[in-house]
N, C-alpha and C. Protein backbone atom coordinates (compact mmCIF):
# COMPACT_ATOMS: atom_id res chain seq x y z
N UNK A 1 -236.18 91.51 88.03
CA UNK A 1 -235.44 90.58 86.79
C UNK A 1 -236.37 89.38 87.03
N UNK A 2 -236.77 88.70 85.62
CA UNK A 2 -237.55 87.80 85.72
C UNK A 2 -236.71 86.73 85.72
N UNK A 3 -237.13 85.28 85.93
CA UNK A 3 -236.80 84.33 86.29
C UNK A 3 -235.78 83.75 85.05
N UNK A 4 -236.04 84.35 83.92
CA UNK A 4 -235.12 83.89 82.36
C UNK A 4 -233.82 84.55 82.88
N UNK A 5 -233.75 85.81 83.02
CA UNK A 5 -232.62 86.90 83.25
C UNK A 5 -231.85 86.01 84.30
N UNK A 6 -232.25 85.56 85.38
CA UNK A 6 -231.47 85.36 86.39
C UNK A 6 -230.85 83.91 86.04
N UNK A 7 -231.37 83.04 85.19
CA UNK A 7 -230.93 82.01 84.74
C UNK A 7 -229.77 82.25 83.58
N UNK A 8 -229.96 83.18 82.67
CA UNK A 8 -229.04 83.54 81.80
C UNK A 8 -227.80 84.10 82.45
N UNK A 9 -228.00 85.09 83.42
CA UNK A 9 -227.08 85.73 84.01
C UNK A 9 -226.03 84.61 84.67
N UNK A 10 -226.59 83.56 85.37
CA UNK A 10 -226.07 82.59 86.29
C UNK A 10 -225.18 81.69 84.92
N UNK A 11 -225.80 81.49 83.89
CA UNK A 11 -225.11 80.66 82.79
C UNK A 11 -223.76 81.59 82.38
N UNK A 12 -224.21 82.66 81.83
CA UNK A 12 -222.89 83.55 81.65
C UNK A 12 -221.77 83.55 82.80
N UNK A 13 -222.17 83.95 84.13
CA UNK A 13 -221.30 83.67 84.70
C UNK A 13 -220.27 82.55 84.97
N UNK A 14 -221.09 81.02 84.89
CA UNK A 14 -220.50 79.89 85.04
C UNK A 14 -219.59 79.97 83.76
N UNK A 15 -220.09 80.33 82.45
CA UNK A 15 -219.09 80.49 81.29
C UNK A 15 -217.68 81.07 81.67
N UNK A 16 -217.98 82.72 82.05
CA UNK A 16 -216.93 83.14 82.11
C UNK A 16 -215.98 82.66 83.35
N UNK A 17 -216.25 81.85 84.26
CA UNK A 17 -215.43 81.24 85.28
C UNK A 17 -215.01 79.98 84.72
N UNK A 18 -215.68 79.24 83.98
CA UNK A 18 -214.91 78.06 83.43
C UNK A 18 -213.88 78.40 82.43
N UNK A 19 -213.99 79.53 81.63
CA UNK A 19 -212.97 79.88 80.56
C UNK A 19 -211.67 80.83 81.10
N UNK A 20 -212.27 81.19 82.45
CA UNK A 20 -210.92 81.91 83.42
C UNK A 20 -210.13 80.85 83.86
N UNK A 21 -210.84 79.64 84.63
CA UNK A 21 -210.19 78.32 84.99
C UNK A 21 -209.20 77.89 84.16
N UNK A 22 -209.78 77.58 82.73
CA UNK A 22 -208.93 76.82 81.78
C UNK A 22 -207.64 77.61 81.66
N UNK A 23 -207.77 78.92 81.45
CA UNK A 23 -206.63 79.71 81.37
C UNK A 23 -205.59 79.67 82.54
N UNK A 24 -205.93 79.38 83.48
CA UNK A 24 -204.92 79.21 84.73
C UNK A 24 -204.44 77.78 84.57
N UNK A 25 -205.23 76.65 84.25
CA UNK A 25 -204.72 75.67 84.34
C UNK A 25 -203.70 75.25 83.16
N UNK A 26 -204.30 75.65 81.95
CA UNK A 26 -203.55 75.35 80.62
C UNK A 26 -203.16 76.78 79.93
N UNK A 27 -202.11 77.10 79.98
CA UNK A 27 -201.64 78.36 79.26
C UNK A 27 -202.03 78.59 77.94
N UNK A 28 -202.01 77.35 77.41
CA UNK A 28 -202.37 77.54 75.75
C UNK A 28 -203.77 77.89 75.67
N UNK A 29 -204.70 77.95 76.86
CA UNK A 29 -206.24 78.35 76.46
C UNK A 29 -206.35 79.78 76.69
N UNK A 30 -205.15 80.67 77.18
CA UNK A 30 -205.22 82.11 77.26
C UNK A 30 -205.86 82.72 76.52
N UNK A 31 -205.58 82.62 74.95
CA UNK A 31 -206.67 83.17 73.76
C UNK A 31 -207.81 82.79 73.90
N UNK A 32 -208.11 81.55 74.23
CA UNK A 32 -209.43 81.28 74.09
C UNK A 32 -210.50 81.79 74.95
N UNK A 33 -209.35 81.60 76.27
CA UNK A 33 -210.11 82.39 77.89
C UNK A 33 -210.41 84.19 77.04
N UNK A 34 -209.42 84.81 76.47
CA UNK A 34 -209.67 86.37 76.09
C UNK A 34 -210.84 86.31 75.43
N UNK A 35 -211.00 85.46 74.19
CA UNK A 35 -211.99 85.21 73.28
C UNK A 35 -213.42 85.09 74.11
N UNK A 36 -213.56 84.15 75.16
CA UNK A 36 -214.46 83.85 75.83
C UNK A 36 -215.09 84.97 76.84
N UNK A 37 -213.97 85.54 77.49
CA UNK A 37 -214.41 86.67 78.36
C UNK A 37 -214.80 87.78 77.65
N UNK A 38 -214.38 88.35 76.46
CA UNK A 38 -214.72 89.13 75.52
C UNK A 38 -216.41 88.82 75.26
N UNK A 39 -216.84 87.86 74.71
CA UNK A 39 -218.05 87.64 74.26
C UNK A 39 -219.13 87.18 75.51
N UNK A 40 -218.59 87.10 76.78
CA UNK A 40 -219.44 87.09 77.63
C UNK A 40 -219.54 88.42 78.31
N UNK A 41 -218.77 89.19 78.21
CA UNK A 41 -219.08 90.68 78.46
C UNK A 41 -219.78 91.35 77.47
N UNK A 42 -219.62 90.78 76.22
CA UNK A 42 -220.78 91.60 75.19
C UNK A 42 -222.03 91.10 75.32
N UNK A 43 -222.43 89.79 75.77
CA UNK A 43 -223.80 89.07 75.72
C UNK A 43 -224.22 89.66 77.27
N UNK A 44 -223.28 89.95 78.07
CA UNK A 44 -224.02 90.28 79.38
C UNK A 44 -224.60 91.60 79.56
N UNK A 45 -223.73 92.79 78.40
CA UNK A 45 -224.01 94.18 78.04
C UNK A 45 -225.41 94.04 77.28
N UNK A 46 -225.59 93.06 76.64
CA UNK A 46 -226.67 93.22 75.54
C UNK A 46 -228.03 92.84 76.32
N UNK A 47 -227.83 91.94 77.46
CA UNK A 47 -229.21 91.44 78.14
C UNK A 47 -229.31 92.09 79.46
N UNK A 48 -228.45 92.70 80.01
CA UNK A 48 -228.40 93.12 81.48
C UNK A 48 -228.17 94.47 81.62
N UNK A 49 -227.44 95.13 80.64
CA UNK A 49 -227.25 96.60 81.06
C UNK A 49 -228.21 97.62 79.65
N UNK A 50 -229.53 97.29 79.86
CA UNK A 50 -230.23 98.13 78.94
C UNK A 50 -230.00 99.13 78.89
N UNK A 51 -230.02 100.00 77.32
CA UNK A 51 -229.80 101.41 77.32
C UNK A 51 -230.87 102.32 78.12
N UNK A 52 -230.35 103.44 78.75
CA UNK A 52 -230.97 104.07 79.63
C UNK A 52 -232.32 104.90 78.87
N UNK A 53 -233.33 105.16 79.19
CA UNK A 53 -234.41 105.92 78.57
C UNK A 53 -234.59 106.87 79.46
N UNK A 54 -234.51 108.09 78.60
CA UNK A 54 -234.45 109.32 79.49
C UNK A 54 -233.40 110.02 79.45
N UNK A 55 -232.96 110.09 80.58
CA UNK A 55 -231.85 110.97 81.04
C UNK A 55 -230.29 110.31 81.00
N UNK A 56 -229.58 111.32 80.40
CA UNK A 56 -228.12 110.20 79.96
C UNK A 56 -227.35 110.44 81.19
N UNK A 57 -226.37 109.37 81.27
CA UNK A 57 -225.36 108.98 82.37
C UNK A 57 -224.38 110.44 81.97
N UNK A 58 -224.10 111.01 83.00
CA UNK A 58 -223.40 112.01 83.18
C UNK A 58 -221.60 111.69 83.46
N UNK A 59 -220.67 111.82 82.15
CA UNK A 59 -219.23 111.37 82.23
C UNK A 59 -218.48 112.67 82.16
N UNK A 60 -217.88 112.65 83.59
CA UNK A 60 -217.10 113.91 84.06
C UNK A 60 -215.83 113.85 83.45
N UNK A 61 -214.89 115.02 83.02
CA UNK A 61 -213.79 115.20 82.44
C UNK A 61 -213.38 116.18 83.58
N UNK A 62 -212.13 116.01 84.44
CA UNK A 62 -211.77 117.11 85.30
C UNK A 62 -210.60 117.90 84.70
N UNK A 63 -210.92 119.38 84.52
CA UNK A 63 -209.76 120.09 83.85
C UNK A 63 -208.67 120.28 84.84
N UNK A 64 -208.69 119.49 86.09
CA UNK A 64 -207.44 119.55 87.05
C UNK A 64 -206.61 118.51 86.36
N UNK A 65 -207.25 117.49 85.93
CA UNK A 65 -206.37 116.08 85.45
C UNK A 65 -206.32 116.25 84.24
N UNK A 66 -207.07 116.62 83.16
CA UNK A 66 -206.86 116.63 81.83
C UNK A 66 -206.77 117.89 81.26
N UNK A 67 -206.60 119.11 81.40
CA UNK A 67 -206.59 120.33 81.18
C UNK A 67 -206.67 120.64 79.44
N UNK A 68 -205.71 119.61 78.51
CA UNK A 68 -205.79 119.97 77.46
C UNK A 68 -207.23 119.46 76.55
N UNK A 69 -207.56 118.20 77.18
CA UNK A 69 -208.78 117.44 76.82
C UNK A 69 -210.19 118.26 77.48
N UNK A 70 -209.89 118.44 78.55
CA UNK A 70 -210.85 119.36 78.79
C UNK A 70 -211.23 120.71 78.21
N UNK A 71 -210.28 121.49 77.93
CA UNK A 71 -210.39 122.70 76.93
C UNK A 71 -211.07 122.37 75.69
N UNK A 72 -210.15 121.30 75.34
CA UNK A 72 -210.71 120.92 73.79
C UNK A 72 -212.22 120.43 73.97
N UNK A 73 -212.85 119.68 74.91
CA UNK A 73 -213.96 119.49 74.86
C UNK A 73 -215.15 120.78 75.04
N UNK A 74 -214.40 121.80 75.72
CA UNK A 74 -215.29 123.00 75.84
C UNK A 74 -215.45 123.68 74.85
N UNK A 75 -214.26 123.85 74.06
CA UNK A 75 -214.20 124.57 72.98
C UNK A 75 -214.80 124.16 71.77
N UNK A 76 -214.83 122.47 71.64
CA UNK A 76 -215.93 121.96 70.72
C UNK A 76 -217.35 121.91 70.89
N UNK A 77 -217.91 121.83 72.19
CA UNK A 77 -219.16 122.09 72.55
C UNK A 77 -219.52 123.65 72.36
N UNK A 78 -218.57 124.38 72.54
CA UNK A 78 -219.22 125.88 72.50
C UNK A 78 -219.20 126.23 70.82
N UNK A 79 -218.79 125.48 70.04
CA UNK A 79 -218.65 125.75 68.85
C UNK A 79 -219.74 124.80 67.96
N UNK A 80 -220.75 124.13 68.96
CA UNK A 80 -221.87 123.52 68.21
C UNK A 80 -221.52 121.79 68.21
N UNK A 81 -220.71 121.39 68.73
CA UNK A 81 -220.61 120.14 69.12
C UNK A 81 -221.64 119.47 70.01
N UNK A 82 -222.10 118.55 69.93
CA UNK A 82 -223.24 118.05 71.08
C UNK A 82 -222.81 117.78 72.59
N UNK A 83 -223.36 117.88 73.46
CA UNK A 83 -222.90 117.41 74.62
C UNK A 83 -223.54 116.05 75.05
N UNK A 84 -224.74 115.69 74.63
CA UNK A 84 -225.20 114.28 74.60
C UNK A 84 -225.00 113.84 73.39
N UNK A 85 -224.26 112.43 73.83
CA UNK A 85 -223.87 111.73 72.81
C UNK A 85 -224.66 109.93 73.10
N UNK A 86 -224.66 109.30 72.00
CA UNK A 86 -224.98 107.87 71.92
C UNK A 86 -223.93 107.00 71.58
N UNK A 87 -223.73 105.93 72.68
CA UNK A 87 -222.35 104.70 72.47
C UNK A 87 -222.80 104.01 71.41
N UNK A 88 -221.79 103.95 70.58
CA UNK A 88 -221.84 102.88 69.47
C UNK A 88 -220.67 102.68 69.00
N UNK A 89 -220.13 101.54 69.95
CA UNK A 89 -218.52 100.83 69.72
C UNK A 89 -218.40 100.70 68.43
N UNK A 90 -219.17 99.92 67.79
CA UNK A 90 -218.93 99.04 66.42
C UNK A 90 -218.64 99.91 65.07
N UNK A 91 -218.82 101.02 64.93
CA UNK A 91 -218.39 101.88 64.20
C UNK A 91 -217.19 102.74 64.49
N UNK A 92 -216.39 102.49 65.63
CA UNK A 92 -215.61 103.60 66.21
C UNK A 92 -214.25 103.71 65.20
N UNK A 93 -213.83 102.64 64.49
CA UNK A 93 -212.61 102.59 63.93
C UNK A 93 -212.66 103.33 62.51
N UNK A 94 -214.01 102.85 62.05
CA UNK A 94 -214.09 103.72 60.60
C UNK A 94 -214.39 105.61 61.29
N UNK A 95 -215.14 105.69 62.11
CA UNK A 95 -215.65 106.93 62.47
C UNK A 95 -213.89 107.71 62.87
N UNK A 96 -213.32 106.83 63.37
CA UNK A 96 -211.69 107.56 63.87
C UNK A 96 -210.78 108.00 62.79
N UNK A 97 -211.09 107.28 61.80
CA UNK A 97 -210.39 107.15 60.50
C UNK A 97 -210.95 108.51 59.75
N UNK A 98 -212.47 108.79 59.79
CA UNK A 98 -213.05 109.82 59.41
C UNK A 98 -212.87 111.03 59.96
N UNK A 99 -212.85 111.26 61.50
CA UNK A 99 -212.26 112.17 61.89
C UNK A 99 -211.08 112.63 61.97
N UNK A 100 -210.17 111.78 62.19
CA UNK A 100 -209.01 112.23 62.20
C UNK A 100 -207.84 112.00 60.93
N UNK A 101 -208.44 111.61 60.04
CA UNK A 101 -207.73 111.36 58.56
C UNK A 101 -207.05 112.62 57.81
N UNK A 102 -207.87 113.56 57.74
CA UNK A 102 -207.46 114.76 57.20
C UNK A 102 -206.45 115.62 57.93
N UNK A 103 -206.19 115.10 59.45
CA UNK A 103 -205.50 115.94 60.28
C UNK A 103 -203.81 115.08 60.08
N UNK A 104 -203.20 115.99 59.63
CA UNK A 104 -201.74 115.52 59.22
C UNK A 104 -201.05 115.32 60.47
N UNK A 105 -200.33 113.77 60.48
CA UNK A 105 -199.66 113.20 61.50
C UNK A 105 -198.28 113.77 61.49
N UNK A 106 -197.78 114.10 60.05
CA UNK A 106 -196.40 114.47 60.26
C UNK A 106 -196.41 115.90 59.54
N UNK A 107 -195.98 116.70 59.91
CA UNK A 107 -194.91 116.90 61.30
C UNK A 107 -196.02 117.07 62.09
N UNK A 108 -195.84 116.95 63.32
CA UNK A 108 -196.75 117.04 64.54
C UNK A 108 -195.86 118.34 65.22
N UNK A 109 -196.80 119.03 65.57
CA UNK A 109 -196.79 120.54 66.11
C UNK A 109 -195.64 120.46 67.10
N UNK A 110 -195.58 119.43 67.84
CA UNK A 110 -194.39 119.06 69.12
C UNK A 110 -194.54 117.93 69.34
N UNK A 111 -193.30 117.14 69.77
CA UNK A 111 -193.27 115.74 70.18
C UNK A 111 -194.40 115.31 71.31
N UNK A 112 -194.71 114.15 71.35
CA UNK A 112 -195.82 113.56 72.30
C UNK A 112 -196.88 114.13 72.39
N UNK A 113 -197.29 114.23 70.88
CA UNK A 113 -198.90 114.88 70.84
C UNK A 113 -199.56 113.98 70.25
N UNK A 114 -201.01 113.82 70.30
CA UNK A 114 -201.99 112.94 69.84
C UNK A 114 -202.85 113.47 69.09
N UNK A 115 -203.48 113.27 68.25
CA UNK A 115 -204.90 114.01 67.65
C UNK A 115 -206.23 113.39 68.61
N UNK A 116 -206.84 114.33 69.19
CA UNK A 116 -207.91 114.44 70.10
C UNK A 116 -209.05 114.65 69.32
N UNK A 117 -210.05 113.85 69.32
CA UNK A 117 -211.51 114.24 68.59
C UNK A 117 -212.63 114.57 69.41
N UNK A 118 -213.39 115.39 69.31
CA UNK A 118 -214.44 115.29 70.02
C UNK A 118 -215.87 115.78 68.92
N UNK A 119 -216.69 114.67 68.88
CA UNK A 119 -217.28 113.77 69.93
C UNK A 119 -216.14 112.65 69.63
N UNK A 120 -216.17 111.85 70.71
CA UNK A 120 -215.12 110.42 70.52
C UNK A 120 -215.72 109.72 69.41
N UNK A 121 -214.88 108.89 68.65
CA UNK A 121 -215.13 107.86 67.79
C UNK A 121 -216.08 106.82 68.44
N UNK A 122 -216.08 106.53 69.66
CA UNK A 122 -216.99 105.47 70.07
C UNK A 122 -218.20 105.59 70.10
N UNK A 123 -218.59 107.27 69.65
CA UNK A 123 -219.94 107.60 69.73
C UNK A 123 -220.35 107.68 68.45
N UNK A 124 -221.70 107.76 68.24
CA UNK A 124 -222.50 107.86 67.05
C UNK A 124 -222.22 109.27 66.32
N UNK A 125 -222.06 110.06 67.41
CA UNK A 125 -221.66 111.60 66.82
C UNK A 125 -220.43 111.63 66.38
N UNK A 126 -219.26 111.13 66.72
CA UNK A 126 -218.36 111.00 66.19
C UNK A 126 -218.06 111.06 64.59
N UNK A 127 -216.97 111.06 64.39
CA UNK A 127 -216.60 110.53 63.01
C UNK A 127 -216.27 112.10 62.02
N UNK A 128 -217.20 112.06 61.08
CA UNK A 128 -216.87 113.29 59.99
C UNK A 128 -217.36 114.49 60.29
N UNK A 129 -216.69 115.33 60.51
CA UNK A 129 -217.10 116.80 61.11
C UNK A 129 -216.80 116.94 62.49
N UNK A 130 -216.06 116.24 63.16
CA UNK A 130 -215.66 116.28 64.77
C UNK A 130 -214.37 117.11 64.56
N UNK A 131 -214.35 117.68 65.91
CA UNK A 131 -213.37 118.52 66.27
C UNK A 131 -212.18 118.01 66.70
N UNK A 132 -211.08 118.20 65.90
CA UNK A 132 -209.74 117.82 65.84
C UNK A 132 -208.63 118.62 66.09
N UNK A 133 -207.95 118.20 67.23
CA UNK A 133 -206.53 118.94 67.60
C UNK A 133 -205.46 118.18 68.23
N UNK A 134 -204.41 118.67 67.83
CA UNK A 134 -203.12 117.85 68.49
C UNK A 134 -203.07 118.55 70.22
N UNK A 135 -203.08 117.54 71.22
CA UNK A 135 -202.81 117.81 72.53
C UNK A 135 -201.57 116.89 73.17
N UNK A 136 -201.51 116.99 74.16
CA UNK A 136 -200.40 116.28 74.95
C UNK A 136 -200.92 114.96 75.13
N UNK A 137 -200.09 113.84 74.90
CA UNK A 137 -200.47 112.56 74.58
C UNK A 137 -200.84 111.96 75.81
N UNK A 138 -199.97 112.17 76.76
CA UNK A 138 -200.48 111.90 78.14
C UNK A 138 -201.82 112.28 78.55
N UNK A 139 -201.74 113.74 78.33
CA UNK A 139 -203.43 114.12 78.66
C UNK A 139 -204.58 113.24 77.87
N UNK A 140 -204.34 113.22 76.23
CA UNK A 140 -205.17 112.44 75.55
C UNK A 140 -205.54 111.31 76.04
N UNK A 141 -204.56 110.34 76.39
CA UNK A 141 -205.02 109.13 76.75
C UNK A 141 -205.28 108.73 78.20
N UNK A 142 -204.80 109.88 79.12
CA UNK A 142 -205.58 109.69 80.36
C UNK A 142 -206.99 110.11 80.24
N UNK A 143 -207.42 111.13 79.47
CA UNK A 143 -208.81 111.20 79.42
C UNK A 143 -209.53 110.35 78.91
N UNK A 144 -209.09 109.91 77.56
CA UNK A 144 -209.52 108.67 77.14
C UNK A 144 -210.02 107.51 77.93
N UNK A 145 -208.95 106.93 78.60
CA UNK A 145 -208.90 106.14 79.66
C UNK A 145 -210.16 106.39 80.93
N UNK A 146 -210.21 107.70 81.30
CA UNK A 146 -211.18 108.19 82.24
C UNK A 146 -212.58 107.98 81.76
N UNK A 147 -212.81 108.61 80.47
CA UNK A 147 -213.81 108.27 79.89
C UNK A 147 -214.20 106.78 79.44
N UNK A 148 -213.53 105.96 79.31
CA UNK A 148 -213.87 104.30 79.39
C UNK A 148 -214.16 104.00 80.53
N UNK A 149 -213.49 104.08 81.46
CA UNK A 149 -213.95 103.67 82.85
C UNK A 149 -215.36 104.01 83.33
N UNK A 150 -215.66 105.32 82.84
CA UNK A 150 -217.21 105.57 82.87
C UNK A 150 -218.18 105.28 82.11
N UNK A 151 -217.73 104.99 81.01
CA UNK A 151 -218.57 104.02 80.11
C UNK A 151 -218.65 102.68 79.86
N UNK A 152 -217.62 102.22 80.20
CA UNK A 152 -217.32 100.58 79.79
C UNK A 152 -218.50 99.70 80.16
N UNK A 153 -219.41 99.99 80.96
CA UNK A 153 -220.44 99.20 81.36
C UNK A 153 -221.72 99.38 80.51
N UNK A 154 -221.68 100.26 80.00
CA UNK A 154 -222.70 101.10 79.18
C UNK A 154 -223.15 100.32 77.87
N UNK A 155 -224.27 100.17 77.54
CA UNK A 155 -224.47 99.24 75.98
C UNK A 155 -224.34 99.92 74.96
N UNK A 156 -224.26 99.46 73.66
CA UNK A 156 -224.44 100.50 72.72
C UNK A 156 -225.75 101.18 72.54
N UNK A 157 -225.97 102.14 72.32
CA UNK A 157 -227.08 102.80 72.25
C UNK A 157 -227.31 103.78 73.57
N UNK A 158 -226.42 103.83 74.39
CA UNK A 158 -226.93 104.32 76.04
C UNK A 158 -226.48 105.90 75.56
N UNK A 159 -227.00 106.84 76.37
CA UNK A 159 -226.68 108.19 76.33
C UNK A 159 -225.83 108.61 77.39
N UNK A 160 -224.97 109.47 76.76
CA UNK A 160 -224.01 110.04 77.94
C UNK A 160 -223.97 111.25 77.79
N UNK A 161 -223.71 112.22 78.62
CA UNK A 161 -223.72 113.60 78.65
C UNK A 161 -222.05 113.82 79.29
N UNK A 162 -221.54 114.58 78.29
CA UNK A 162 -220.06 114.56 78.58
C UNK A 162 -219.98 116.07 79.13
N UNK A 163 -219.52 116.37 80.71
CA UNK A 163 -219.33 117.48 81.22
C UNK A 163 -217.89 117.67 81.73
N UNK A 164 -217.31 119.00 81.39
CA UNK A 164 -216.11 119.37 82.24
C UNK A 164 -216.51 120.04 83.62
N UNK A 165 -215.37 119.80 84.65
CA UNK A 165 -215.72 120.05 85.80
C UNK A 165 -214.24 120.53 86.27
N UNK A 166 -214.00 121.35 87.47
CA UNK A 166 -212.86 121.39 88.20
C UNK A 166 -212.11 120.34 89.05
C-alpha cells in the first residue's frame, strides 16, 4: 500500500470514529452517524477493497442450514443460470422487481414463504430471466444473510462463485 492509501485510510478511520462519538454524545446525531458510517464504508470499499482479478471468491450455501435455498440454487445452476456472478449493488432494487415482479405474491402457496431469486438481485446477472420460486421465509432470509456476510466487504464488480455444500 502506498503512502497516499495509508493517509486516506487513516482519514476515513478518523471520520468514522468522529461520527460514532458524536452519536454517543448527542443522540440527535444518530441519523448523521448512520449516514456518515455508510459513506465511510462505501468510500473504504472503493479505495481499499479492489475487485479481484481472475479467481472469484467462493460463497458457500450449506444444504444442512438452508435446504430450500440450496436446492433452488442447484436447480437454477443445472438449468443454465451462472455459477460465477458479479456484485452490482446499485441496481439491486430494479433487478429484484424485474425478477420477482411476475411471480404473484397472492395467494402464496403456503404461509411464511418468500420469493427466492437466483441469481440474487445484488449481482449483475440477477433480474429479468432469473429463476424465482417460493421457499420457506426463514430459509430464504437466513441464506440471504449468510451470503451478505460472505460478500459484504467486497466491492461492486467483484466476482463470486456460488457453491452449495453439505
